[in-house]
Amino acid sequence: MSQQQASTADDFSRVDAQESGYSVREVNDFFSALADDYEQLLTNHSTSQSAHTSRTIRDKVFTPEAGGYTPQVVDSALDRVEDRFAEMERRLYIERYGEQLWQDSLKELRTLLLGRLNRPDGERFRRPSHKRTKGYLSQDVDELCRLMLRAVEHGETLLPQKIRSAAFRSAVGKNSYDETQVDAFMSRCLEYLQDTL
């Protein structure tokens, strides 16, 4: 991912002037920073404490803007960049600490995921703090968790995009899961899938 590649942010398509897209300035600035950080990784095999990582890329949220960049196009580009960062992070970790420590950290993550994935349907995550607070429909979340369980426990193929594109319906009460907790867990699932491809 070079500076030239990063400049393609300016070429992202835009939504109609009446529609809401991503802030053009924020997207351009973010992709420019990502290019700088990736070049730093490639040349020095290190970055500053404030440098972006695959996780900060995954968690990035842009401000809505009328006539801004098309969200689906930007999200797709971010997914590709995130995968590149994850691959580089894995390679550098192994270079610094060795293959064995990498495998140990992967086993640790696997154990953590299985601890929750093996819970019964309807009991994998906490409920929203208030009964009327909307959460994710537990049925939808449990369905994806079952797929993830087969991937982690039995090695079945599950591509990271399945996690990224998951769209859980809203629910309240006993049929819902706390959104923040689910999102955090799915982020770790995504890390695992990236690391085992």
Protein backbone atom coordinates (compact mmCIF):
# COMPACT_ATOMS: atom_id res chain seq x y z
CA MET A 1 0.00 0.00 0.00
CA SER A 2 1.95 2.99 -1.25
CA GLN A 3 1.31 6.71 -1.14
CA GLN A 4 0.08 6.42 -4.72
CA GLN A 5 -2.41 3.73 -3.74
CA ALA A 6 -3.63 5.81 -0.83
CA SER A 7 -4.36 8.74 -3.11
CA THR A 8 -7.09 6.66 -4.75
CA ALA A 9 -9.27 7.76 -1.83
CA ASP A 10 -9.89 10.87 -3.95
CA ASP A 11 -11.34 8.59 -6.62
CA PHE A 12 -14.04 7.05 -4.42
CA SER A 13 -17.51 7.49 -5.84
CA ARG A 14 -19.88 9.85 -4.07
CA VAL A 15 -23.53 9.55 -3.18
CA ASP A 16 -26.08 12.05 -4.50
CA ALA A 17 -25.99 15.49 -2.90
CA GLN A 18 -29.20 14.72 -0.98
CA GLU A 19 -27.89 11.41 0.38
CA SER A 20 -25.63 10.77 3.34
CA GLY A 21 -22.15 9.41 2.72
CA TYR A 22 -18.81 9.46 4.52
CA SER A 23 -16.98 12.73 5.18
CA VAL A 24 -14.66 13.29 2.22
CA ARG A 25 -12.01 15.04 4.30
CA GLU A 26 -12.01 12.38 7.02
CA VAL A 27 -11.72 9.53 4.52
CA ASN A 28 -8.89 11.21 2.60
CA ASP A 29 -6.99 12.03 5.79
CA PHE A 30 -7.46 8.51 7.14
CA PHE A 31 -6.23 6.77 3.99
CA SER A 32 -3.26 9.11 3.82
CA ALA A 33 -2.34 8.26 7.42
CA LEU A 34 -2.74 4.55 6.70
CA ALA A 35 -0.34 4.80 3.77
CA ASP A 36 2.25 6.52 5.98
CA ASP A 37 1.90 3.91 8.72
CA TYR A 38 2.12 1.00 6.30
CA GLU A 39 5.26 2.43 4.66
CA GLN A 40 6.75 2.77 8.15
CA LEU A 41 6.00 -0.88 8.81
CA LEU A 42 7.57 -1.95 5.55
CA THR A 43 10.75 0.09 5.88
CA ASN A 44 11.44 0.14 9.62
CA HIS A 45 9.38 -2.83 10.80
CA SER A 46 8.04 -0.61 13.54
CA THR A 47 5.61 2.24 14.03
CA SER A 48 4.90 4.94 16.56
CA GLN A 49 2.51 4.34 19.43
CA SER A 50 -0.14 6.38 17.60
CA ALA A 51 0.14 4.39 14.37
CA HIS A 52 -2.90 2.60 13.05
CA THR A 53 -3.32 -1.16 13.34
CA SER A 54 -5.73 -3.65 11.83
CA ARG A 55 -7.91 -3.19 14.90
CA THR A 56 -8.08 0.62 14.70
CA ILE A 57 -8.89 0.31 11.00
CA ARG A 58 -11.70 -2.11 11.81
CA ASP A 59 -13.11 0.23 14.46
CA LYS A 60 -12.97 3.41 12.38
CA VAL A 61 -16.21 5.38 12.08
CA PHE A 62 -16.59 8.33 9.70
CA THR A 63 -18.86 11.32 10.18
CA PRO A 64 -21.90 11.35 7.86
CA GLU A 65 -21.85 14.03 5.17
CA ALA A 66 -24.34 14.96 2.46
CA GLY A 67 -22.86 14.06 -0.91
CA GLY A 68 -19.95 12.27 0.73
CA TYR A 69 -18.14 9.14 -0.34
CA THR A 70 -20.20 6.02 -0.98
CA PRO A 71 -20.00 4.01 2.29
CA GLN A 72 -19.96 0.56 0.66
CA VAL A 73 -17.03 1.51 -1.57
CA VAL A 74 -14.99 2.96 1.30
CA ASP A 75 -15.82 0.01 3.57
CA SER A 76 -14.68 -2.45 0.92
CA ALA A 77 -11.37 -0.61 0.52
CA LEU A 78 -10.91 -0.51 4.29
CA ASP A 79 -11.47 -4.26 4.52
CA ARG A 80 -8.65 -4.86 2.03
CA VAL A 81 -6.31 -2.49 3.86
CA GLU A 82 -7.19 -4.08 7.20
CA ASP A 83 -6.28 -7.53 5.85
CA ARG A 84 -2.94 -6.16 4.62
CA PHE A 85 -2.17 -4.68 8.03
CA ALA A 86 -3.16 -7.92 9.77
CA GLU A 87 -0.89 -9.94 7.50
CA MET A 88 2.03 -7.59 8.10
CA GLU A 89 1.43 -7.56 11.86
CA ARG A 90 1.46 -11.34 11.92
CA ARG A 91 4.71 -11.50 9.92
CA LEU A 92 6.46 -8.93 12.10
CA TYR A 93 5.30 -10.62 15.29
CA ILE A 94 6.78 -13.92 14.14
CA GLU A 95 10.02 -12.19 13.10
CA ARG A 96 10.38 -10.60 16.54
CA TYR A 97 9.13 -13.30 18.86
CA GLY A 98 9.20 -16.52 16.88
CA GLU A 99 6.64 -18.92 15.45
CA GLN A 100 6.06 -20.68 18.77
CA LEU A 101 4.94 -17.55 20.61
CA TRP A 102 2.64 -16.73 17.70
CA GLN A 103 1.06 -20.17 17.87
CA ASP A 104 0.72 -19.84 21.65
CA SER A 105 -1.09 -16.50 21.31
CA LEU A 106 -3.37 -18.02 18.67
CA LYS A 107 -4.20 -20.95 20.97
CA GLU A 108 -4.96 -18.47 23.74
CA LEU A 109 -7.37 -16.58 21.50
CA ARG A 110 -8.93 -19.85 20.36
CA THR A 111 -9.55 -20.88 23.98
CA LEU A 112 -11.08 -17.49 24.76
CA LEU A 113 -13.45 -17.72 21.79
CA LEU A 114 -14.50 -21.28 22.51
CA GLY A 115 -15.37 -20.34 26.08
CA ARG A 116 -18.20 -18.18 24.77
CA LEU A 117 -19.03 -20.02 21.55
CA ASN A 118 -19.73 -23.22 23.45
CA ARG A 119 -22.40 -21.56 25.59
CA PRO A 120 -26.01 -22.50 24.79
CA ASP A 121 -28.08 -20.46 22.35
CA GLY A 122 -29.68 -17.52 24.11
CA GLU A 123 -26.97 -17.43 26.80
CA ARG A 124 -23.81 -16.38 24.97
CA PHE A 125 -23.95 -12.67 25.84
CA ARG A 126 -25.50 -10.42 28.45
CA ARG A 127 -28.80 -8.64 27.91
CA PRO A 128 -28.95 -4.84 27.42
CA SER A 129 -28.74 -2.99 30.73
CA HIS A 130 -32.35 -1.78 30.50
CA LYS A 131 -35.32 -3.85 29.37
CA ARG A 132 -36.39 -1.31 26.76
CA THR A 133 -32.88 -0.77 25.36
CA LYS A 134 -32.52 -2.22 21.89
CA GLY A 135 -29.96 -4.93 21.34
CA TYR A 136 -29.16 -7.51 18.70
CA LEU A 137 -31.65 -10.32 18.13
CA SER A 138 -30.06 -13.24 19.95
CA GLN A 139 -31.24 -15.71 17.31
CA ASP A 140 -29.23 -13.90 14.60
CA VAL A 141 -26.13 -13.66 16.75
CA ASP A 142 -26.34 -17.31 17.82
CA GLU A 143 -26.60 -18.39 14.19
CA LEU A 144 -23.32 -16.68 13.34
CA CYS A 145 -21.75 -18.02 16.54
CA ARG A 146 -22.59 -21.57 15.48
CA LEU A 147 -20.79 -20.99 12.17
CA MET A 148 -17.84 -19.54 14.04
CA LEU A 149 -17.81 -22.50 16.42
CA ARG A 150 -17.50 -24.93 13.52
CA ALA A 151 -14.65 -22.85 12.10
CA VAL A 152 -12.74 -22.68 15.40
CA GLU A 153 -13.43 -26.18 16.68
CA HIS A 154 -13.49 -28.19 13.46
CA GLY A 155 -11.54 -26.04 11.03
CA GLU A 156 -14.45 -25.39 8.67
CA THR A 157 -13.85 -22.50 6.29
CA LEU A 158 -15.37 -19.19 7.33
CA LEU A 159 -14.17 -16.07 5.54
CA PRO A 160 -13.66 -12.82 7.49
CA GLN A 161 -16.22 -11.14 5.23
CA LYS A 162 -18.94 -13.25 6.84
CA ILE A 163 -18.26 -11.47 10.14
CA ARG A 164 -17.85 -8.05 8.53
CA SER A 165 -21.11 -8.25 6.60
CA ALA A 166 -23.20 -9.62 9.47
CA ALA A 167 -26.37 -7.59 9.98
CA PHE A 168 -28.21 -8.46 13.19
CA ARG A 169 -31.84 -7.48 13.58
CA SER A 170 -32.85 -5.35 16.57
CA ALA A 171 -34.69 -6.76 19.57
CA VAL A 172 -35.46 -5.94 23.19
CA GLY A 173 -35.81 -7.93 26.38
CA LYS A 174 -34.89 -11.58 26.77
CA ASN A 175 -34.51 -12.09 23.01
CA SER A 176 -31.70 -9.56 22.72
CA TYR A 177 -27.97 -9.35 23.38
CA ASP A 178 -25.97 -6.30 24.41
CA GLU A 179 -24.63 -4.73 21.20
CA THR A 180 -21.32 -3.52 22.65
CA GLN A 181 -20.40 -6.94 24.00
CA VAL A 182 -21.34 -8.70 20.77
CA ASP A 183 -19.39 -6.20 18.65
CA ALA A 184 -16.27 -6.62 20.79
CA PHE A 185 -16.48 -10.41 20.55
CA MET A 186 -17.03 -10.37 16.80
CA SER A 187 -13.94 -8.20 16.48
CA ARG A 188 -11.90 -10.94 18.17
CA CYS A 189 -13.51 -13.55 15.92
CA LEU A 190 -12.42 -11.52 12.92
CA GLU A 191 -8.86 -11.37 14.27
CA TYR A 192 -8.83 -15.16 14.62
CA LEU A 193 -10.09 -15.74 11.09
CA GLN A 194 -7.50 -13.33 9.66
CA ASP A 195 -4.74 -15.09 11.58
CA THR A 196 -5.72 -18.57 10.43
CA LEU A 197 -6.28 -17.98 6.72
